[in-house]
Amino acid sequence: MKKTLTTLIGLVLGPLCAIAQTIPAPAGRMPGNLWMVDSSIGTDAGLGYKLPSLRYGISLERPITSRIELQVSTTYSPDHKFITNDGNSFLASAQGLFWINHRMAAVGGMHFSKLWTSQFNKSAFFPLVGIAIRDRWMGELPGRMYITYEFPTGCVWATAGNPCLLQSNRLQGVNFDQEFRVWPHLRVALLYGFYNFCDQGNPFAPNVPRSCHFTVTSALQFRFEFANLGSTPY
């Protein structure tokens, strides 16, 4: 598993780092760190969480060159699972953007989630790929639209080398995020997820089918920037 994840990260970030060494930084915008405080409210009821879904975290964006950008974020959620009536979750993500032209970028990265409850703990990695598009609201507010696909990982059936006591839900699907900068230091975003996942089964009985479901999640996100990196549209 670790070897597979290392390979995926290398395939995503390796070519970007190589290209970054040959492309100069954009005029008027020196590379630097842009820190943000994030908060969101929405619903993850389809994934088994009680309403409302709340998240708090911090994010970092760093333009490396005129074409390469790195994004890292961490969030914490106190949302309770229906099945246990408690729980805490943590999500970390890292992704790279390669701007093909001024408007469109290729996106690749990884999400890591961790859930703690009184009855079980669970963690998972989600590789993702997609695109980012610079756009504007009513021709005025600069924004970005992200469309990415998350791939499932994790054990499903028990083997001699992997007990797999808690099955992966094999969560996978499309994320659609539309973000606009409404003030110089404030961004507002609508976040949607369209996912397919499977219920828990018996990892020692691969012949017994698992029930799978489709669900939609949504959230309204606010991001406060500590610094603006310049006049170049983000």
C-alpha atoms as a PDB file:
ATOM      1  CA  MET A   1       0.000   0.000   0.000  1.00  0.00           C
ATOM      2  CA  LYS A   2       2.730   2.480   0.970  1.00  0.00           C
ATOM      3  CA  LYS A   3       4.637   1.652  -2.213  1.00  0.00           C
ATOM      4  CA  THR A   4       1.522   2.303  -4.318  1.00  0.00           C
ATOM      5  CA  LEU A   5       0.853   5.670  -2.650  1.00  0.00           C
ATOM      6  CA  THR A   6       4.473   6.728  -3.077  1.00  0.00           C
ATOM      7  CA  THR A   7       4.287   5.843  -6.780  1.00  0.00           C
ATOM      8  CA  LEU A   8       1.059   7.845  -7.248  1.00  0.00           C
ATOM      9  CA  ILE A   9       2.501  10.919  -5.527  1.00  0.00           C
ATOM     10  CA  GLY A  10       5.638  10.676  -7.642  1.00  0.00           C
ATOM     11  CA  LEU A  11       3.613  10.418 -10.862  1.00  0.00           C
ATOM     12  CA  VAL A  12       1.589  13.504  -9.926  1.00  0.00           C
ATOM     13  CA  LEU A  13       4.254  15.803  -8.496  1.00  0.00           C
ATOM     14  CA  GLY A  14       7.420  14.581 -10.226  1.00  0.00           C
ATOM     15  CA  PRO A  15       6.733  16.097 -13.679  1.00  0.00           C
ATOM     16  CA  LEU A  16       5.455  19.317 -12.093  1.00  0.00           C
ATOM     17  CA  CYS A  17       8.647  19.797 -10.079  1.00  0.00           C
ATOM     18  CA  ALA A  18      10.775  19.163 -13.167  1.00  0.00           C
ATOM     19  CA  ILE A  19       8.859  21.731 -15.203  1.00  0.00           C
ATOM     20  CA  ALA A  20       8.974  24.236 -12.332  1.00  0.00           C
ATOM     21  CA  GLN A  21      12.762  24.404 -12.581  1.00  0.00           C
ATOM     22  CA  THR A  22      12.574  25.738 -16.140  1.00  0.00           C
ATOM     23  CA  ILE A  23       9.703  28.264 -15.913  1.00  0.00           C
ATOM     24  CA  PRO A  24      10.376  31.747 -14.464  1.00  0.00           C
ATOM     25  CA  ALA A  25       8.203  33.347 -11.798  1.00  0.00           C
ATOM     26  CA  PRO A  26       5.515  35.728 -13.123  1.00  0.00           C
ATOM     27  CA  ALA A  27       6.359  39.419 -13.283  1.00  0.00           C
ATOM     28  CA  GLY A  28       4.918  41.419 -10.398  1.00  0.00           C
ATOM     29  CA  ARG A  29       4.164  38.374  -8.254  1.00  0.00           C
ATOM     30  CA  MET A  30       7.054  36.827  -6.346  1.00  0.00           C
ATOM     31  CA  PRO A  31       6.607  33.300  -5.000  1.00  0.00           C
ATOM     32  CA  GLY A  32       5.468  33.336  -1.384  1.00  0.00           C
ATOM     33  CA  ASN A  33       3.156  31.705   1.131  1.00  0.00           C
ATOM     34  CA  LEU A  34      -0.518  32.660   1.300  1.00  0.00           C
ATOM     35  CA  TRP A  35      -2.112  31.501   4.576  1.00  0.00           C
ATOM     36  CA  MET A  36      -5.871  31.219   5.104  1.00  0.00           C
ATOM     37  CA  VAL A  37      -8.290  30.350   7.900  1.00  0.00           C
ATOM     38  CA  ASP A  38     -11.151  28.161   6.641  1.00  0.00           C
ATOM     39  CA  SER A  39     -14.628  27.367   7.951  1.00  0.00           C
ATOM     40  CA  SER A  40     -17.619  25.674   6.354  1.00  0.00           C
ATOM     41  CA  ILE A  41     -21.160  24.534   7.095  1.00  0.00           C
ATOM     42  CA  GLY A  42     -23.162  22.001   5.104  1.00  0.00           C
ATOM     43  CA  THR A  43     -24.412  18.434   5.086  1.00  0.00           C
ATOM     44  CA  ASP A  44     -22.647  15.050   5.027  1.00  0.00           C
ATOM     45  CA  ALA A  45     -25.805  13.189   6.073  1.00  0.00           C
ATOM     46  CA  GLY A  46     -25.510  10.796   3.150  1.00  0.00           C
ATOM     47  CA  LEU A  47     -22.155   9.651   4.543  1.00  0.00           C
ATOM     48  CA  GLY A  48     -23.639   8.946   7.973  1.00  0.00           C
ATOM     49  CA  TYR A  49     -23.004  12.237   9.816  1.00  0.00           C
ATOM     50  CA  LYS A  50     -25.502  14.230  11.845  1.00  0.00           C
ATOM     51  CA  LEU A  51     -26.494  17.726  10.724  1.00  0.00           C
ATOM     52  CA  PRO A  52     -25.003  20.222  10.364  1.00  0.00           C
ATOM     53  CA  SER A  53     -21.570  19.366   9.018  1.00  0.00           C
ATOM     54  CA  LEU A  54     -19.010  21.836  10.392  1.00  0.00           C
ATOM     55  CA  ARG A  55     -15.317  22.133   9.507  1.00  0.00           C
ATOM     56  CA  TYR A  56     -12.521  24.420  10.662  1.00  0.00           C
ATOM     57  CA  GLY A  57      -8.968  24.567   9.397  1.00  0.00           C
ATOM     58  CA  ILE A  58      -6.045  26.336   7.809  1.00  0.00           C
ATOM     59  CA  SER A  59      -4.761  26.361   4.230  1.00  0.00           C
ATOM     60  CA  LEU A  60      -1.573  27.287   2.439  1.00  0.00           C
ATOM     61  CA  GLU A  61      -1.204  28.257  -1.226  1.00  0.00           C
ATOM     62  CA  ARG A  62       2.218  28.781  -2.754  1.00  0.00           C
ATOM     63  CA  PRO A  63       2.834  29.774  -6.373  1.00  0.00           C
ATOM     64  CA  ILE A  64       6.167  28.301  -7.446  1.00  0.00           C
ATOM     65  CA  THR A  65       6.284  29.744 -10.957  1.00  0.00           C
ATOM     66  CA  SER A  66       3.843  31.240 -13.440  1.00  0.00           C
ATOM     67  CA  ARG A  67       2.557  27.714 -14.138  1.00  0.00           C
ATOM     68  CA  ILE A  68       3.102  25.717 -10.944  1.00  0.00           C
ATOM     69  CA  GLU A  69       1.112  26.127  -7.726  1.00  0.00           C
ATOM     70  CA  LEU A  70       1.027  24.012  -4.559  1.00  0.00           C
ATOM     71  CA  GLN A  71      -1.937  23.861  -2.171  1.00  0.00           C
ATOM     72  CA  VAL A  72      -1.996  22.269   1.299  1.00  0.00           C
ATOM     73  CA  SER A  73      -4.826  22.267   3.835  1.00  0.00           C
ATOM     74  CA  THR A  74      -5.926  20.659   7.112  1.00  0.00           C
ATOM     75  CA  THR A  75      -9.418  20.675   8.616  1.00  0.00           C
ATOM     76  CA  TYR A  76     -11.053  19.387  11.793  1.00  0.00           C
ATOM     77  CA  SER A  77     -14.708  18.430  12.159  1.00  0.00           C
ATOM     78  CA  PRO A  78     -16.635  17.677  15.390  1.00  0.00           C
ATOM     79  CA  ASP A  79     -19.469  16.018  13.445  1.00  0.00           C
ATOM     80  CA  HIS A  80     -21.132  13.019  15.133  1.00  0.00           C
ATOM     81  CA  LYS A  81     -21.778   9.751  13.319  1.00  0.00           C
ATOM     82  CA  PHE A  82     -25.381   8.505  13.426  1.00  0.00           C
ATOM     83  CA  ILE A  83     -24.265   4.991  14.355  1.00  0.00           C
ATOM     84  CA  THR A  84     -22.196   6.018  17.418  1.00  0.00           C
ATOM     85  CA  ASN A  85     -23.631   9.461  18.308  1.00  0.00           C
ATOM     86  CA  ASP A  86     -20.088  10.808  18.648  1.00  0.00           C
ATOM     87  CA  GLY A  87     -16.934  11.281  16.615  1.00  0.00           C
ATOM     88  CA  ASN A  88     -14.180  13.594  15.499  1.00  0.00           C
ATOM     89  CA  SER A  89     -12.604  13.709  12.054  1.00  0.00           C
ATOM     90  CA  PHE A  90      -9.491  15.170  10.497  1.00  0.00           C
ATOM     91  CA  LEU A  91      -8.812  15.796   6.801  1.00  0.00           C
ATOM     92  CA  ALA A  92      -5.472  16.737   5.239  1.00  0.00           C
ATOM     93  CA  SER A  93      -4.906  17.391   1.555  1.00  0.00           C
ATOM     94  CA  ALA A  94      -2.056  18.317  -0.754  1.00  0.00           C
ATOM     95  CA  GLN A  95      -2.337  19.012  -4.463  1.00  0.00           C
ATOM     96  CA  GLY A  96      -0.406  20.582  -7.285  1.00  0.00           C
ATOM     97  CA  LEU A  97      -1.723  22.723 -10.145  1.00  0.00           C
ATOM     98  CA  PHE A  98      -0.054  23.031 -13.541  1.00  0.00           C
ATOM     99  CA  TRP A  99      -1.527  25.934 -15.520  1.00  0.00           C
ATOM    100  CA  ILE A 100      -1.760  24.818 -19.150  1.00  0.00           C
ATOM    101  CA  ASN A 101      -2.762  28.367 -20.076  1.00  0.00           C
ATOM    102  CA  HIS A 102      -4.080  31.396 -18.183  1.00  0.00           C
ATOM    103  CA  ARG A 103      -7.517  29.859 -17.667  1.00  0.00           C
ATOM    104  CA  MET A 104      -7.084  26.099 -17.214  1.00  0.00           C
ATOM    105  CA  ALA A 105      -4.879  23.949 -14.990  1.00  0.00           C
ATOM    106  CA  ALA A 106      -4.353  20.235 -14.489  1.00  0.00           C
ATOM    107  CA  VAL A 107      -4.762  19.155 -10.853  1.00  0.00           C
ATOM    108  CA  GLY A 108      -3.310  16.147  -9.041  1.00  0.00           C
ATOM    109  CA  GLY A 109      -2.981  15.336  -5.372  1.00  0.00           C
ATOM    110  CA  MET A 110      -3.987  13.300  -2.351  1.00  0.00           C
ATOM    111  CA  HIS A 111      -6.502  13.514   0.507  1.00  0.00           C
ATOM    112  CA  PHE A 112      -6.078  11.760   3.862  1.00  0.00           C
ATOM    113  CA  SER A 113      -8.987  11.360   6.287  1.00  0.00           C
ATOM    114  CA  LYS A 114      -9.057  10.081   9.857  1.00  0.00           C
ATOM    115  CA  LEU A 115     -12.171   9.365  11.959  1.00  0.00           C
ATOM    116  CA  TRP A 116     -12.290   8.636  15.702  1.00  0.00           C
ATOM    117  CA  THR A 117     -15.434   7.342  17.470  1.00  0.00           C
ATOM    118  CA  SER A 118     -16.171   5.500  20.710  1.00  0.00           C
ATOM    119  CA  GLN A 119     -16.593   2.229  18.779  1.00  0.00           C
ATOM    120  CA  PHE A 120     -13.998   2.352  15.985  1.00  0.00           C
ATOM    121  CA  ASN A 121     -11.218   4.371  14.337  1.00  0.00           C
ATOM    122  CA  LYS A 122     -10.847   4.613  10.588  1.00  0.00           C
ATOM    123  CA  SER A 123      -8.468   6.244   8.095  1.00  0.00           C
ATOM    124  CA  ALA A 124      -8.155   6.359   4.316  1.00  0.00           C
ATOM    125  CA  PHE A 125      -6.149   7.884   1.450  1.00  0.00           C
ATOM    126  CA  PHE A 126      -7.846   9.286  -1.676  1.00  0.00           C
ATOM    127  CA  PRO A 127      -5.709  10.068  -4.752  1.00  0.00           C
ATOM    128  CA  LEU A 128      -7.356  12.650  -7.007  1.00  0.00           C
ATOM    129  CA  VAL A 129      -6.986  14.182 -10.465  1.00  0.00           C
ATOM    130  CA  GLY A 130      -8.924  16.891 -12.240  1.00  0.00           C
ATOM    131  CA  ILE A 131      -8.915  20.425 -13.622  1.00  0.00           C
ATOM    132  CA  ALA A 132      -9.128  24.004 -12.324  1.00  0.00           C
ATOM    133  CA  ILE A 133     -10.612  26.873 -14.352  1.00  0.00           C
ATOM    134  CA  ARG A 134     -10.309  30.590 -13.675  1.00  0.00           C
ATOM    135  CA  ASP A 135     -13.705  32.281 -14.040  1.00  0.00           C
ATOM    136  CA  ARG A 136     -15.676  35.330 -12.888  1.00  0.00           C
ATOM    137  CA  TRP A 137     -19.052  35.930 -11.244  1.00  0.00           C
ATOM    138  CA  MET A 138     -21.129  38.337 -13.362  1.00  0.00           C
ATOM    139  CA  GLY A 139     -17.886  39.481 -14.961  1.00  0.00           C
ATOM    140  CA  GLU A 140     -16.765  41.098 -11.699  1.00  0.00           C
ATOM    141  CA  LEU A 141     -15.622  38.707  -8.948  1.00  0.00           C
ATOM    142  CA  PRO A 142     -12.562  36.582  -9.820  1.00  0.00           C
ATOM    143  CA  GLY A 143     -12.932  32.913  -9.033  1.00  0.00           C
ATOM    144  CA  ARG A 144     -11.860  29.366  -9.624  1.00  0.00           C
ATOM    145  CA  MET A 145     -13.837  26.239 -10.420  1.00  0.00           C
ATOM    146  CA  TYR A 146     -12.317  22.882  -9.445  1.00  0.00           C
ATOM    147  CA  ILE A 147     -13.586  19.567 -10.829  1.00  0.00           C
ATOM    148  CA  THR A 148     -11.732  16.554  -9.432  1.00  0.00           C
ATOM    149  CA  TYR A 149     -12.235  12.805  -9.147  1.00  0.00           C
ATOM    150  CA  GLU A 150     -11.289  10.858  -6.013  1.00  0.00           C
ATOM    151  CA  PHE A 151     -10.180   7.234  -6.390  1.00  0.00           C
ATOM    152  CA  PRO A 152     -10.959   4.536  -3.779  1.00  0.00           C
ATOM    153  CA  THR A 153      -8.241   2.840  -1.721  1.00  0.00           C
ATOM    154  CA  GLY A 154      -8.054   0.516   1.274  1.00  0.00           C
ATOM    155  CA  CYS A 155      -8.496  -3.172   1.982  1.00  0.00           C
ATOM    156  CA  VAL A 156     -11.751  -4.966   1.202  1.00  0.00           C
ATOM    157  CA  TRP A 157     -11.176  -8.685   1.810  1.00  0.00           C
ATOM    158  CA  ALA A 158      -9.062 -10.308   4.507  1.00  0.00           C
ATOM    159  CA  THR A 159      -5.886 -12.108   3.456  1.00  0.00           C
ATOM    160  CA  ALA A 160      -3.122 -13.902   5.317  1.00  0.00           C
ATOM    161  CA  GLY A 161      -0.930 -10.789   5.161  1.00  0.00           C
ATOM    162  CA  ASN A 162      -3.693  -8.250   5.874  1.00  0.00           C
ATOM    163  CA  PRO A 163      -6.418  -9.054   8.438  1.00  0.00           C
ATOM    164  CA  CYS A 164      -8.613  -6.170   7.145  1.00  0.00           C
ATOM    165  CA  LEU A 165     -10.743  -6.118  10.287  1.00  0.00           C
ATOM    166  CA  LEU A 166     -12.501  -2.914   9.151  1.00  0.00           C
ATOM    167  CA  GLN A 167     -13.327  -2.753   5.459  1.00  0.00           C
ATOM    168  CA  SER A 168     -12.785   0.250   3.236  1.00  0.00           C
ATOM    169  CA  ASN A 169     -16.042   1.856   2.097  1.00  0.00           C
ATOM    170  CA  ARG A 170     -14.419   2.256  -1.349  1.00  0.00           C
ATOM    171  CA  LEU A 171     -15.591   5.869  -1.450  1.00  0.00           C
ATOM    172  CA  GLN A 172     -15.107   7.440  -4.872  1.00  0.00           C
ATOM    173  CA  GLY A 173     -16.628  10.221  -6.902  1.00  0.00           C
ATOM    174  CA  VAL A 174     -16.557  13.763  -8.242  1.00  0.00           C
ATOM    175  CA  ASN A 175     -15.886  16.970  -6.303  1.00  0.00           C
ATOM    176  CA  PHE A 176     -17.221  20.238  -7.725  1.00  0.00           C
ATOM    177  CA  ASP A 177     -15.957  23.391  -5.981  1.00  0.00           C
ATOM    178  CA  GLN A 178     -16.762  26.939  -7.116  1.00  0.00           C
ATOM    179  CA  GLU A 179     -14.895  29.684  -5.272  1.00  0.00           C
ATOM    180  CA  PHE A 180     -15.032  33.484  -5.648  1.00  0.00           C
ATOM    181  CA  ARG A 181     -13.053  36.260  -3.993  1.00  0.00           C
ATOM    182  CA  VAL A 182     -15.774  38.613  -2.747  1.00  0.00           C
ATOM    183  CA  TRP A 183     -13.420  41.015  -0.904  1.00  0.00           C
ATOM    184  CA  PRO A 184      -9.623  41.446  -1.068  1.00  0.00           C
ATOM    185  CA  HIS A 185      -9.112  39.016   1.845  1.00  0.00           C
ATOM    186  CA  LEU A 186     -12.286  36.907   1.771  1.00  0.00           C
ATOM    187  CA  ARG A 187     -13.247  34.000  -0.464  1.00  0.00           C
ATOM    188  CA  VAL A 188     -16.623  32.236  -0.519  1.00  0.00           C
ATOM    189  CA  ALA A 189     -17.118  28.820  -2.080  1.00  0.00           C
ATOM    190  CA  LEU A 190     -19.835  26.264  -2.797  1.00  0.00           C
ATOM    191  CA  LEU A 191     -18.559  22.708  -2.378  1.00  0.00           C
ATOM    192  CA  TYR A 192     -20.372  19.679  -3.780  1.00  0.00           C
ATOM    193  CA  GLY A 193     -19.439  15.986  -3.697  1.00  0.00           C
ATOM    194  CA  PHE A 194     -21.083  13.230  -5.769  1.00  0.00           C
ATOM    195  CA  TYR A 195     -19.977   9.917  -4.273  1.00  0.00           C
ATOM    196  CA  ASN A 196     -20.507   6.177  -4.463  1.00  0.00           C
ATOM    197  CA  PHE A 197     -19.645   4.069  -1.402  1.00  0.00           C
ATOM    198  CA  CYS A 198     -20.370   0.636   0.051  1.00  0.00           C
ATOM    199  CA  ASP A 199     -21.687  -0.518   3.430  1.00  0.00           C
ATOM    200  CA  GLN A 200     -19.628  -2.639   5.783  1.00  0.00           C
ATOM    201  CA  GLY A 201     -19.662  -6.354   5.027  1.00  0.00           C
ATOM    202  CA  ASN A 202     -17.849  -9.444   6.202  1.00  0.00           C
ATOM    203  CA  PRO A 203     -14.197  -9.155   5.087  1.00  0.00           C
ATOM    204  CA  PHE A 204     -13.831 -12.925   5.519  1.00  0.00           C
ATOM    205  CA  ALA A 205     -16.710 -13.696   3.126  1.00  0.00           C
ATOM    206  CA  PRO A 206     -15.833 -12.277  -0.313  1.00  0.00           C
ATOM    207  CA  ASN A 207     -18.711 -14.185  -1.931  1.00  0.00           C
ATOM    208  CA  VAL A 208     -21.298 -12.199   0.029  1.00  0.00           C
ATOM    209  CA  PRO A 209     -22.207  -9.021  -1.915  1.00  0.00           C
ATOM    210  CA  ARG A 210     -21.999  -5.568  -0.289  1.00  0.00           C
ATOM    211  CA  SER A 211     -24.698  -2.915  -0.611  1.00  0.00           C
ATOM    212  CA  CYS A 212     -23.461   0.278  -2.310  1.00  0.00           C
ATOM    213  CA  HIS A 213     -25.054   3.718  -2.440  1.00  0.00           C
ATOM    214  CA  PHE A 214     -24.876   7.075  -4.197  1.00  0.00           C
ATOM    215  CA  THR A 215     -25.005  10.307  -2.193  1.00  0.00           C
ATOM    216  CA  VAL A 216     -24.459  14.052  -2.560  1.00  0.00           C
ATOM    217  CA  THR A 217     -22.734  16.314  -0.018  1.00  0.00           C
ATOM    218  CA  SER A 218     -22.705  20.111  -0.001  1.00  0.00           C
ATOM    219  CA  ALA A 219     -21.168  22.938   1.990  1.00  0.00           C
ATOM    220  CA  LEU A 220     -20.734  26.709   2.057  1.00  0.00           C
ATOM    221  CA  GLN A 221     -17.120  27.655   2.776  1.00  0.00           C
ATOM    222  CA  PHE A 222     -15.522  30.916   3.939  1.00  0.00           C
ATOM    223  CA  ARG A 223     -11.778  31.525   3.648  1.00  0.00           C
ATOM    224  CA  PHE A 224      -9.999  34.520   5.171  1.00  0.00           C
ATOM    225  CA  GLU A 225      -6.595  35.393   3.666  1.00  0.00           C
ATOM    226  CA  PHE A 226      -3.862  36.764   5.898  1.00  0.00           C
ATOM    227  CA  ALA A 227      -2.070  38.331   2.916  1.00  0.00           C
ATOM    228  CA  ASN A 228      -2.753  39.055  -0.716  1.00  0.00           C
ATOM    229  CA  LEU A 229       0.059  38.018  -3.031  1.00  0.00           C
ATOM    230  CA  GLY A 230      -0.487  40.830  -5.519  1.00  0.00           C
ATOM    231  CA  SER A 231      -2.665  42.043  -8.350  1.00  0.00           C
ATOM    232  CA  THR A 232      -2.334  38.896 -10.454  1.00  0.00           C
ATOM    233  CA  PRO A 233      -5.762  37.109 -10.508  1.00  0.00           C
ATOM    234  CA  TYR A 234      -5.602  34.030  -8.361  1.00  0.00           C
END
